[in-house]
């Protein structure tokens, strides 16, 4: 975004699932979709 919020994907060794993150000013958090706990999705 214009103020430096970055989103993307990440993977973890031994975990076949895809994960998604947001980072801003060095603070990371994983993106989850409310109501879709087991869904495969893109960001």
ModelCIF file with pLDDT and N, C-alpha, C, O atoms, coordinates in Angstrom:
data_MODEL
#
_entry.id   MODEL 
#
_entity.id                         1 
_entity.type                       polymer 
_entity.pdbx_number_of_molecules   1 
#
_entity_poly.entity_id                      1 
_entity_poly.type                           'polypeptide(L)' 
_entity_poly.nstd_linkage                   no 
_entity_poly.nstd_monomer                   no 
_entity_poly.pdbx_seq_one_letter_code       
;(UNK)(UNK)(UNK)(UNK)(UNK)(UNK)(UNK)(UNK)(UNK)(UNK)(UNK)(UNK)(UNK)(UNK)(UNK)(UNK)
(UNK)(UNK)(UNK)(UNK)(UNK)(UNK)(UNK)(UNK)(UNK)(UNK)(UNK)(UNK)(UNK)(UNK)(UNK)(UNK)
(UNK)(UNK)(UNK)(UNK)(UNK)(UNK)(UNK)(UNK)(UNK)(UNK)(UNK)
;
_entity_poly.pdbx_seq_one_letter_code_can   XXXXXXXXXXXXXXXXXXXXXXXXXXXXXXXXXXXXXXXXXXX 
_entity_poly.pdbx_strand_id                 A 
#
loop_
_entity_poly_seq.entity_id 
_entity_poly_seq.num 
_entity_poly_seq.mon_id 
_entity_poly_seq.hetero 
1 1  UNK n 
1 2  UNK n 
1 3  UNK n 
1 4  UNK n 
1 5  UNK n 
1 6  UNK n 
1 7  UNK n 
1 8  UNK n 
1 9  UNK n 
1 10 UNK n 
1 11 UNK n 
1 12 UNK n 
1 13 UNK n 
1 14 UNK n 
1 15 UNK n 
1 16 UNK n 
1 17 UNK n 
1 18 UNK n 
1 19 UNK n 
1 20 UNK n 
1 21 UNK n 
1 22 UNK n 
1 23 UNK n 
1 24 UNK n 
1 25 UNK n 
1 26 UNK n 
1 27 UNK n 
1 28 UNK n 
1 29 UNK n 
1 30 UNK n 
1 31 UNK n 
1 32 UNK n 
1 33 UNK n 
1 34 UNK n 
1 35 UNK n 
1 36 UNK n 
1 37 UNK n 
1 38 UNK n 
1 39 UNK n 
1 40 UNK n 
1 41 UNK n 
1 42 UNK n 
1 43 UNK n 
#
_struct_asym.id          A 
_struct_asym.entity_id   1 
#
loop_
_ma_qa_metric.id 
_ma_qa_metric.mode 
_ma_qa_metric.name 
_ma_qa_metric.software_group_id 
_ma_qa_metric.type 
1 global pLDDT . pLDDT 
2 local  pLDDT . pLDDT 
#
_ma_qa_metric_global.metric_id      1 
_ma_qa_metric_global.metric_value   94.40 
_ma_qa_metric_global.model_id       1 
_ma_qa_metric_global.ordinal_id     1 
#
loop_
_ma_qa_metric_local.label_asym_id 
_ma_qa_metric_local.label_comp_id 
_ma_qa_metric_local.label_seq_id 
_ma_qa_metric_local.metric_id 
_ma_qa_metric_local.metric_value 
_ma_qa_metric_local.model_id 
_ma_qa_metric_local.ordinal_id 
A UNK 1  2 96.00 1 1  
A UNK 2  2 93.00 1 2  
A UNK 3  2 94.00 1 3  
A UNK 4  2 94.00 1 4  
A UNK 5  2 97.00 1 5  
A UNK 6  2 98.00 1 6  
A UNK 7  2 98.00 1 7  
A UNK 8  2 98.00 1 8  
A UNK 9  2 97.00 1 9  
A UNK 10 2 97.00 1 10 
A UNK 11 2 96.00 1 11 
A UNK 12 2 94.00 1 12 
A UNK 13 2 92.00 1 13 
A UNK 14 2 92.00 1 14 
A UNK 15 2 91.00 1 15 
A UNK 16 2 89.00 1 16 
A UNK 17 2 88.00 1 17 
A UNK 18 2 90.00 1 18 
A UNK 19 2 96.00 1 19 
A UNK 20 2 98.00 1 20 
A UNK 21 2 98.00 1 21 
A UNK 22 2 98.00 1 22 
A UNK 23 2 97.00 1 23 
A UNK 24 2 95.00 1 24 
A UNK 25 2 91.00 1 25 
A UNK 26 2 91.00 1 26 
A UNK 27 2 96.00 1 27 
A UNK 28 2 97.00 1 28 
A UNK 29 2 96.00 1 29 
A UNK 30 2 97.00 1 30 
A UNK 31 2 97.00 1 31 
A UNK 32 2 95.00 1 32 
A UNK 33 2 96.00 1 33 
A UNK 34 2 94.00 1 34 
A UNK 35 2 92.00 1 35 
A UNK 36 2 91.00 1 36 
A UNK 37 2 87.00 1 37 
A UNK 38 2 86.00 1 38 
A UNK 39 2 91.00 1 39 
A UNK 40 2 94.00 1 40 
A UNK 41 2 97.00 1 41 
A UNK 42 2 97.00 1 42 
A UNK 43 2 98.00 1 43 
#
loop_
_atom_site.group_PDB 
_atom_site.id 
_atom_site.type_symbol 
_atom_site.label_atom_id 
_atom_site.label_alt_id 
_atom_site.label_comp_id 
_atom_site.label_asym_id 
_atom_site.label_entity_id 
_atom_site.label_seq_id 
_atom_site.pdbx_PDB_ins_code 
_atom_site.Cartn_x 
_atom_site.Cartn_y 
_atom_site.Cartn_z 
_atom_site.occupancy 
_atom_site.B_iso_or_equiv 
_atom_site.pdbx_formal_charge 
_atom_site.auth_seq_id 
_atom_site.auth_comp_id 
_atom_site.auth_asym_id 
_atom_site.auth_atom_id 
_atom_site.pdbx_PDB_model_num 
ATOM 1   N N  . UNK A 1 1  ? 0.834   -1.190  0.000  1.00 96.00 ? 1  UNK A N  1 
ATOM 2   C CA . UNK A 1 1  ? 0.000   0.000   0.000  1.00 96.00 ? 1  UNK A CA 1 
ATOM 3   C C  . UNK A 1 1  ? 0.879   1.253   0.000  1.00 96.00 ? 1  UNK A C  1 
ATOM 4   O O  . UNK A 1 1  ? 2.099   1.163   0.133  1.00 96.00 ? 1  UNK A O  1 
ATOM 5   N N  . UNK A 1 2  ? 0.246   2.426   -0.151 1.00 93.00 ? 2  UNK A N  1 
ATOM 6   C CA . UNK A 1 2  ? 0.998   3.677   -0.203 1.00 93.00 ? 2  UNK A CA 1 
ATOM 7   C C  . UNK A 1 2  ? 1.722   3.985   1.103  1.00 93.00 ? 2  UNK A C  1 
ATOM 8   O O  . UNK A 1 2  ? 2.716   4.711   1.094  1.00 93.00 ? 2  UNK A O  1 
ATOM 9   N N  . UNK A 1 3  ? 1.241   3.445   2.235  1.00 94.00 ? 3  UNK A N  1 
ATOM 10  C CA . UNK A 1 3  ? 1.889   3.698   3.519  1.00 94.00 ? 3  UNK A CA 1 
ATOM 11  C C  . UNK A 1 3  ? 2.746   2.526   3.984  1.00 94.00 ? 3  UNK A C  1 
ATOM 12  O O  . UNK A 1 3  ? 3.092   2.434   5.162  1.00 94.00 ? 3  UNK A O  1 
ATOM 13  N N  . UNK A 1 4  ? 3.087   1.630   3.059  1.00 94.00 ? 4  UNK A N  1 
ATOM 14  C CA . UNK A 1 4  ? 4.081   0.599   3.348  1.00 94.00 ? 4  UNK A CA 1 
ATOM 15  C C  . UNK A 1 4  ? 3.561   -0.672  3.962  1.00 94.00 ? 4  UNK A C  1 
ATOM 16  O O  . UNK A 1 4  ? 4.356   -1.461  4.472  1.00 94.00 ? 4  UNK A O  1 
ATOM 17  N N  . UNK A 1 5  ? 2.248   -0.919  3.939  1.00 97.00 ? 5  UNK A N  1 
ATOM 18  C CA . UNK A 1 5  ? 1.725   -2.217  4.368  1.00 97.00 ? 5  UNK A CA 1 
ATOM 19  C C  . UNK A 1 5  ? 1.976   -3.214  3.248  1.00 97.00 ? 5  UNK A C  1 
ATOM 20  O O  . UNK A 1 5  ? 1.579   -2.986  2.105  1.00 97.00 ? 5  UNK A O  1 
ATOM 21  N N  . UNK A 1 6  ? 2.634   -4.319  3.574  1.00 98.00 ? 6  UNK A N  1 
ATOM 22  C CA . UNK A 1 6  ? 2.982   -5.345  2.589  1.00 98.00 ? 6  UNK A CA 1 
ATOM 23  C C  . UNK A 1 6  ? 2.220   -6.625  2.908  1.00 98.00 ? 6  UNK A C  1 
ATOM 24  O O  . UNK A 1 6  ? 2.124   -7.027  4.067  1.00 98.00 ? 6  UNK A O  1 
ATOM 25  N N  . UNK A 1 7  ? 1.673   -7.267  1.862  1.00 98.00 ? 7  UNK A N  1 
ATOM 26  C CA . UNK A 1 7  ? 1.034   -8.570  2.020  1.00 98.00 ? 7  UNK A CA 1 
ATOM 27  C C  . UNK A 1 7  ? 1.669   -9.558  1.060  1.00 98.00 ? 7  UNK A C  1 
ATOM 28  O O  . UNK A 1 7  ? 2.217   -9.184  0.023  1.00 98.00 ? 7  UNK A O  1 
ATOM 29  N N  . UNK A 1 8  ? 1.581   -10.829 1.430  1.00 98.00 ? 8  UNK A N  1 
ATOM 30  C CA . UNK A 1 8  ? 2.134   -11.870 0.571  1.00 98.00 ? 8  UNK A CA 1 
ATOM 31  C C  . UNK A 1 8  ? 1.902   -13.243 1.149  1.00 98.00 ? 8  UNK A C  1 
ATOM 32  O O  . UNK A 1 8  ? 1.019   -13.443 1.984  1.00 98.00 ? 8  UNK A O  1 
ATOM 33  N N  . UNK A 1 9  ? 2.706   -14.189 0.696  1.00 97.00 ? 9  UNK A N  1 
ATOM 34  C CA . UNK A 1 9  ? 2.573   -15.586 1.076  1.00 97.00 ? 9  UNK A CA 1 
ATOM 35  C C  . UNK A 1 9  ? 3.855   -16.061 1.749  1.00 97.00 ? 9  UNK A C  1 
ATOM 36  O O  . UNK A 1 9  ? 4.933   -15.516 1.511  1.00 97.00 ? 9  UNK A O  1 
ATOM 37  N N  . UNK A 1 10 ? 3.724   -17.084 2.593  1.00 97.00 ? 10 UNK A N  1 
ATOM 38  C CA . UNK A 1 10 ? 4.915   -17.714 3.161  1.00 97.00 ? 10 UNK A CA 1 
ATOM 39  C C  . UNK A 1 10 ? 4.656   -19.197 3.352  1.00 97.00 ? 10 UNK A C  1 
ATOM 40  O O  . UNK A 1 10 ? 3.510   -19.634 3.458  1.00 97.00 ? 10 UNK A O  1 
ATOM 41  N N  . UNK A 1 11 ? 5.734   -19.962 3.394  1.00 96.00 ? 11 UNK A N  1 
ATOM 42  C CA . UNK A 1 11 ? 5.632   -21.402 3.624  1.00 96.00 ? 11 UNK A CA 1 
ATOM 43  C C  . UNK A 1 11 ? 6.560   -21.789 4.766  1.00 96.00 ? 11 UNK A C  1 
ATOM 44  O O  . UNK A 1 11 ? 7.581   -21.149 5.018  1.00 96.00 ? 11 UNK A O  1 
ATOM 45  N N  . UNK A 1 12 ? 6.165   -22.866 5.449  1.00 94.00 ? 12 UNK A N  1 
ATOM 46  C CA . UNK A 1 12 ? 6.896   -23.376 6.606  1.00 94.00 ? 12 UNK A CA 1 
ATOM 47  C C  . UNK A 1 12 ? 7.355   -24.795 6.296  1.00 94.00 ? 12 UNK A C  1 
ATOM 48  O O  . UNK A 1 12 ? 6.589   -25.586 5.747  1.00 94.00 ? 12 UNK A O  1 
ATOM 49  N N  . UNK A 1 13 ? 8.589   -25.122 6.640  1.00 92.00 ? 13 UNK A N  1 
ATOM 50  C CA . UNK A 1 13 ? 9.137   -26.455 6.377  1.00 92.00 ? 13 UNK A CA 1 
ATOM 51  C C  . UNK A 1 13 ? 8.261   -27.519 7.026  1.00 92.00 ? 13 UNK A C  1 
ATOM 52  O O  . UNK A 1 13 ? 7.908   -27.416 8.201  1.00 92.00 ? 13 UNK A O  1 
ATOM 53  N N  . UNK A 1 14 ? 7.912   -28.553 6.242  1.00 92.00 ? 14 UNK A N  1 
ATOM 54  C CA . UNK A 1 14 ? 7.106   -29.651 6.750  1.00 92.00 ? 14 UNK A CA 1 
ATOM 55  C C  . UNK A 1 14 ? 5.618   -29.389 6.777  1.00 92.00 ? 14 UNK A C  1 
ATOM 56  O O  . UNK A 1 14 ? 4.849   -30.267 7.168  1.00 92.00 ? 14 UNK A O  1 
ATOM 57  N N  . UNK A 1 15 ? 5.184   -28.192 6.368  1.00 91.00 ? 15 UNK A N  1 
ATOM 58  C CA . UNK A 1 15 ? 3.762   -27.857 6.353  1.00 91.00 ? 15 UNK A CA 1 
ATOM 59  C C  . UNK A 1 15 ? 3.342   -27.607 4.910  1.00 91.00 ? 15 UNK A C  1 
ATOM 60  O O  . UNK A 1 15 ? 3.770   -26.615 4.318  1.00 91.00 ? 15 UNK A O  1 
ATOM 61  N N  . UNK A 1 16 ? 2.516   -28.476 4.323  1.00 89.00 ? 16 UNK A N  1 
ATOM 62  C CA . UNK A 1 16 ? 2.147   -28.334 2.913  1.00 89.00 ? 16 UNK A CA 1 
ATOM 63  C C  . UNK A 1 16 ? 1.180   -27.177 2.649  1.00 89.00 ? 16 UNK A C  1 
ATOM 64  O O  . UNK A 1 16 ? 0.974   -26.797 1.496  1.00 89.00 ? 16 UNK A O  1 
ATOM 65  N N  . UNK A 1 17 ? 0.590   -26.620 3.697  1.00 88.00 ? 17 UNK A N  1 
ATOM 66  C CA . UNK A 1 17 ? -0.396  -25.558 3.500  1.00 88.00 ? 17 UNK A CA 1 
ATOM 67  C C  . UNK A 1 17 ? 0.283   -24.236 3.123  1.00 88.00 ? 17 UNK A C  1 
ATOM 68  O O  . UNK A 1 17 ? 1.420   -23.964 3.507  1.00 88.00 ? 17 UNK A O  1 
ATOM 69  N N  . UNK A 1 18 ? -0.441  -23.445 2.374  1.00 90.00 ? 18 UNK A N  1 
ATOM 70  C CA . UNK A 1 18 ? 0.008   -22.100 2.105  1.00 90.00 ? 18 UNK A CA 1 
ATOM 71  C C  . UNK A 1 18 ? -0.443  -21.162 3.209  1.00 90.00 ? 18 UNK A C  1 
ATOM 72  O O  . UNK A 1 18 ? -1.530  -21.327 3.764  1.00 90.00 ? 18 UNK A O  1 
ATOM 73  N N  . UNK A 1 19 ? 0.382   -20.183 3.529  1.00 96.00 ? 19 UNK A N  1 
ATOM 74  C CA . UNK A 1 19 ? 0.064   -19.204 4.561  1.00 96.00 ? 19 UNK A CA 1 
ATOM 75  C C  . UNK A 1 19 ? 0.198   -17.804 3.964  1.00 96.00 ? 19 UNK A C  1 
ATOM 76  O O  . UNK A 1 19 ? 0.856   -17.606 2.943  1.00 96.00 ? 19 UNK A O  1 
ATOM 77  N N  . UNK A 1 20 ? -0.439  -16.843 4.623  1.00 98.00 ? 20 UNK A N  1 
ATOM 78  C CA . UNK A 1 20 ? -0.444  -15.479 4.118  1.00 98.00 ? 20 UNK A CA 1 
ATOM 79  C C  . UNK A 1 20 ? -0.170  -14.519 5.268  1.00 98.00 ? 20 UNK A C  1 
ATOM 80  O O  . UNK A 1 20 ? -0.554  -14.780 6.407  1.00 98.00 ? 20 UNK A O  1 
ATOM 81  N N  . UNK A 1 21 ? 0.490   -13.417 4.969  1.00 98.00 ? 21 UNK A N  1 
ATOM 82  C CA . UNK A 1 21 ? 0.923   -12.510 6.021  1.00 98.00 ? 21 UNK A CA 1 
ATOM 83  C C  . UNK A 1 21 ? 0.670   -11.057 5.636  1.00 98.00 ? 21 UNK A C  1 
ATOM 84  O O  . UNK A 1 21 ? 0.454   -10.719 4.472  1.00 98.00 ? 21 UNK A O  1 
ATOM 85  N N  . UNK A 1 22 ? 0.708   -10.215 6.666  1.00 98.00 ? 22 UNK A N  1 
ATOM 86  C CA . UNK A 1 22 ? 0.759   -8.765  6.515  1.00 98.00 ? 22 UNK A CA 1 
ATOM 87  C C  . UNK A 1 22 ? 1.894   -8.267  7.391  1.00 98.00 ? 22 UNK A C  1 
ATOM 88  O O  . UNK A 1 22 ? 2.070   -8.734  8.516  1.00 98.00 ? 22 UNK A O  1 
ATOM 89  N N  . UNK A 1 23 ? 2.668   -7.313  6.873  1.00 97.00 ? 23 UNK A N  1 
ATOM 90  C CA . UNK A 1 23 ? 3.736   -6.713  7.670  1.00 97.00 ? 23 UNK A CA 1 
ATOM 91  C C  . UNK A 1 23 ? 3.696   -5.207  7.476  1.00 97.00 ? 23 UNK A C  1 
ATOM 92  O O  . UNK A 1 23 ? 3.523   -4.711  6.363  1.00 97.00 ? 23 UNK A O  1 
ATOM 93  N N  . UNK A 1 24 ? 3.861   -4.488  8.584  1.00 95.00 ? 24 UNK A N  1 
ATOM 94  C CA . UNK A 1 24 ? 3.899   -3.027  8.544  1.00 95.00 ? 24 UNK A CA 1 
ATOM 95  C C  . UNK A 1 24 ? 4.843   -2.543  9.646  1.00 95.00 ? 24 UNK A C  1 
ATOM 96  O O  . UNK A 1 24 ? 4.693   -2.901  10.814 1.00 95.00 ? 24 UNK A O  1 
ATOM 97  N N  . UNK A 1 25 ? 5.808   -1.729  9.253  1.00 91.00 ? 25 UNK A N  1 
ATOM 98  C CA . UNK A 1 25 ? 6.792   -1.188  10.197 1.00 91.00 ? 25 UNK A CA 1 
ATOM 99  C C  . UNK A 1 25 ? 7.472   -2.298  10.988 1.00 91.00 ? 25 UNK A C  1 
ATOM 100 O O  . UNK A 1 25 ? 7.753   -2.131  12.175 1.00 91.00 ? 25 UNK A O  1 
ATOM 101 N N  . UNK A 1 26 ? 7.738   -3.430  10.340 1.00 91.00 ? 26 UNK A N  1 
ATOM 102 C CA . UNK A 1 26 ? 8.457   -4.533  10.964 1.00 91.00 ? 26 UNK A CA 1 
ATOM 103 C C  . UNK A 1 26 ? 7.606   -5.488  11.769 1.00 91.00 ? 26 UNK A C  1 
ATOM 104 O O  . UNK A 1 26 ? 8.121   -6.484  12.277 1.00 91.00 ? 26 UNK A O  1 
ATOM 105 N N  . UNK A 1 27 ? 6.305   -5.213  11.901 1.00 96.00 ? 27 UNK A N  1 
ATOM 106 C CA . UNK A 1 27 ? 5.428   -6.103  12.661 1.00 96.00 ? 27 UNK A CA 1 
ATOM 107 C C  . UNK A 1 27 ? 4.666   -7.046  11.750 1.00 96.00 ? 27 UNK A C  1 
ATOM 108 O O  . UNK A 1 27 ? 3.895   -6.606  10.898 1.00 96.00 ? 27 UNK A O  1 
ATOM 109 N N  . UNK A 1 28 ? 4.882   -8.362  11.929 1.00 97.00 ? 28 UNK A N  1 
ATOM 110 C CA . UNK A 1 28 ? 4.249   -9.383  11.101 1.00 97.00 ? 28 UNK A CA 1 
ATOM 111 C C  . UNK A 1 28 ? 3.014   -9.956  11.787 1.00 97.00 ? 28 UNK A C  1 
ATOM 112 O O  . UNK A 1 28 ? 2.978   -10.079 13.011 1.00 97.00 ? 28 UNK A O  1 
ATOM 113 N N  . UNK A 1 29 ? 1.999   -10.308 10.994 1.00 96.00 ? 29 UNK A N  1 
ATOM 114 C CA . UNK A 1 29 ? 0.957   -11.189 11.501 1.00 96.00 ? 29 UNK A CA 1 
ATOM 115 C C  . UNK A 1 29 ? 0.408   -12.017 10.358 1.00 96.00 ? 29 UNK A C  1 
ATOM 116 O O  . UNK A 1 29 ? 0.408   -11.587 9.204  1.00 96.00 ? 29 UNK A O  1 
ATOM 117 N N  . UNK A 1 30 ? -0.064  -13.217 10.692 1.00 97.00 ? 30 UNK A N  1 
ATOM 118 C CA . UNK A 1 30 ? -0.641  -14.102 9.688  1.00 97.00 ? 30 UNK A CA 1 
ATOM 119 C C  . UNK A 1 30 ? -2.083  -13.690 9.421  1.00 97.00 ? 30 UNK A C  1 
ATOM 120 O O  . UNK A 1 30 ? -2.830  -13.370 10.345 1.00 97.00 ? 30 UNK A O  1 
ATOM 121 N N  . UNK A 1 31 ? -2.466  -13.701 8.142  1.00 97.00 ? 31 UNK A N  1 
ATOM 122 C CA . UNK A 1 31 ? -3.825  -13.336 7.742  1.00 97.00 ? 31 UNK A CA 1 
ATOM 123 C C  . UNK A 1 31 ? -4.714  -14.572 7.806  1.00 97.00 ? 31 UNK A C  1 
ATOM 124 O O  . UNK A 1 31 ? -4.401  -15.616 7.233  1.00 97.00 ? 31 UNK A O  1 
ATOM 125 N N  . UNK A 1 32 ? -5.821  -14.430 8.512  1.00 95.00 ? 32 UNK A N  1 
ATOM 126 C CA . UNK A 1 32 ? -6.833  -15.481 8.595  1.00 95.00 ? 32 UNK A CA 1 
ATOM 127 C C  . UNK A 1 32 ? -8.152  -14.922 8.074  1.00 95.00 ? 32 UNK A C  1 
ATOM 128 O O  . UNK A 1 32 ? -8.407  -13.722 8.177  1.00 95.00 ? 32 UNK A O  1 
ATOM 129 N N  . UNK A 1 33 ? -8.986  -15.790 7.518  1.00 96.00 ? 33 UNK A N  1 
ATOM 130 C CA . UNK A 1 33 ? -10.291 -15.375 7.045  1.00 96.00 ? 33 UNK A CA 1 
ATOM 131 C C  . UNK A 1 33 ? -11.367 -15.781 8.046  1.00 96.00 ? 33 UNK A C  1 
ATOM 132 O O  . UNK A 1 33 ? -11.586 -16.974 8.257  1.00 96.00 ? 33 UNK A O  1 
ATOM 133 N N  . UNK A 1 34 ? -12.045 -14.813 8.668  1.00 94.00 ? 34 UNK A N  1 
ATOM 134 C CA . UNK A 1 34 ? -13.110 -15.145 9.619  1.00 94.00 ? 34 UNK A CA 1 
ATOM 135 C C  . UNK A 1 34 ? -14.202 -15.993 8.959  1.00 94.00 ? 34 UNK A C  1 
ATOM 136 O O  . UNK A 1 34 ? -14.672 -15.678 7.866  1.00 94.00 ? 34 UNK A O  1 
ATOM 137 N N  . UNK A 1 35 ? -14.594 -17.064 9.636  1.00 92.00 ? 35 UNK A N  1 
ATOM 138 C CA . UNK A 1 35 ? -15.638 -17.927 9.106  1.00 92.00 ? 35 UNK A CA 1 
ATOM 139 C C  . UNK A 1 35 ? -15.159 -18.935 8.094  1.00 92.00 ? 35 UNK A C  1 
ATOM 140 O O  . UNK A 1 35 ? -15.948 -19.749 7.613  1.00 92.00 ? 35 UNK A O  1 
ATOM 141 N N  . UNK A 1 36 ? -13.868 -18.900 7.754  1.00 91.00 ? 36 UNK A N  1 
ATOM 142 C CA . UNK A 1 36 ? -13.303 -19.841 6.780  1.00 91.00 ? 36 UNK A CA 1 
ATOM 143 C C  . UNK A 1 36 ? -11.987 -20.403 7.337  1.00 91.00 ? 36 UNK A C  1 
ATOM 144 O O  . UNK A 1 36 ? -10.927 -20.190 6.749  1.00 91.00 ? 36 UNK A O  1 
ATOM 145 N N  . UNK A 1 37 ? -12.054 -21.123 8.473  1.00 87.00 ? 37 UNK A N  1 
ATOM 146 C CA . UNK A 1 37 ? -10.819 -21.537 9.160  1.00 87.00 ? 37 UNK A CA 1 
ATOM 147 C C  . UNK A 1 37 ? -9.958  -22.511 8.376  1.00 87.00 ? 37 UNK A C  1 
ATOM 148 O O  . UNK A 1 37 ? -8.740  -22.536 8.552  1.00 87.00 ? 37 UNK A O  1 
ATOM 149 N N  . UNK A 1 38 ? -10.568 -23.311 7.514  1.00 86.00 ? 38 UNK A N  1 
ATOM 150 C CA . UNK A 1 38 ? -9.805  -24.321 6.780  1.00 86.00 ? 38 UNK A CA 1 
ATOM 151 C C  . UNK A 1 38 ? -9.714  -24.032 5.290  1.00 86.00 ? 38 UNK A C  1 
ATOM 152 O O  . UNK A 1 38 ? -9.295  -24.891 4.514  1.00 86.00 ? 38 UNK A O  1 
ATOM 153 N N  . UNK A 1 39 ? -10.099 -22.843 4.891  1.00 91.00 ? 39 UNK A N  1 
ATOM 154 C CA . UNK A 1 39 ? -10.140 -22.523 3.464  1.00 91.00 ? 39 UNK A CA 1 
ATOM 155 C C  . UNK A 1 39 ? -8.741  -22.269 2.919  1.00 91.00 ? 39 UNK A C  1 
ATOM 156 O O  . UNK A 1 39 ? -7.869  -21.724 3.596  1.00 91.00 ? 39 UNK A O  1 
ATOM 157 N N  . UNK A 1 40 ? -8.563  -22.680 1.677  1.00 94.00 ? 40 UNK A N  1 
ATOM 158 C CA . UNK A 1 40 ? -7.382  -22.309 0.911  1.00 94.00 ? 40 UNK A CA 1 
ATOM 159 C C  . UNK A 1 40 ? -7.732  -21.031 0.166  1.00 94.00 ? 40 UNK A C  1 
ATOM 160 O O  . UNK A 1 40 ? -8.739  -20.983 -0.539 1.00 94.00 ? 40 UNK A O  1 
ATOM 161 N N  . UNK A 1 41 ? -6.918  -20.001 0.312  1.00 97.00 ? 41 UNK A N  1 
ATOM 162 C CA . UNK A 1 41 ? -7.257  -18.724 -0.296 1.00 97.00 ? 41 UNK A CA 1 
ATOM 163 C C  . UNK A 1 41 ? -5.996  -17.996 -0.733 1.00 97.00 ? 41 UNK A C  1 
ATOM 164 O O  . UNK A 1 41 ? -4.886  -18.370 -0.356 1.00 97.00 ? 41 UNK A O  1 
ATOM 165 N N  . UNK A 1 42 ? -6.182  -16.953 -1.533 1.00 97.00 ? 42 UNK A N  1 
ATOM 166 C CA . UNK A 1 42 ? -5.072  -16.123 -1.968 1.00 97.00 ? 42 UNK A CA 1 
ATOM 167 C C  . UNK A 1 42 ? -5.217  -14.735 -1.351 1.00 97.00 ? 42 UNK A C  1 
ATOM 168 O O  . UNK A 1 42 ? -6.309  -14.320 -0.961 1.00 97.00 ? 42 UNK A O  1 
ATOM 169 N N  . UNK A 1 43 ? -4.097  -14.034 -1.273 1.00 98.00 ? 43 UNK A N  1 
ATOM 170 C CA . UNK A 1 43 ? -4.071  -12.631 -0.871 1.00 98.00 ? 43 UNK A CA 1 
ATOM 171 C C  . UNK A 1 43 ? -3.349  -11.883 -1.983 1.00 98.00 ? 43 UNK A C  1 
ATOM 172 O O  . UNK A 1 43 ? -3.183  -10.666 -1.902 1.00 98.00 ? 43 UNK A O  1 
#
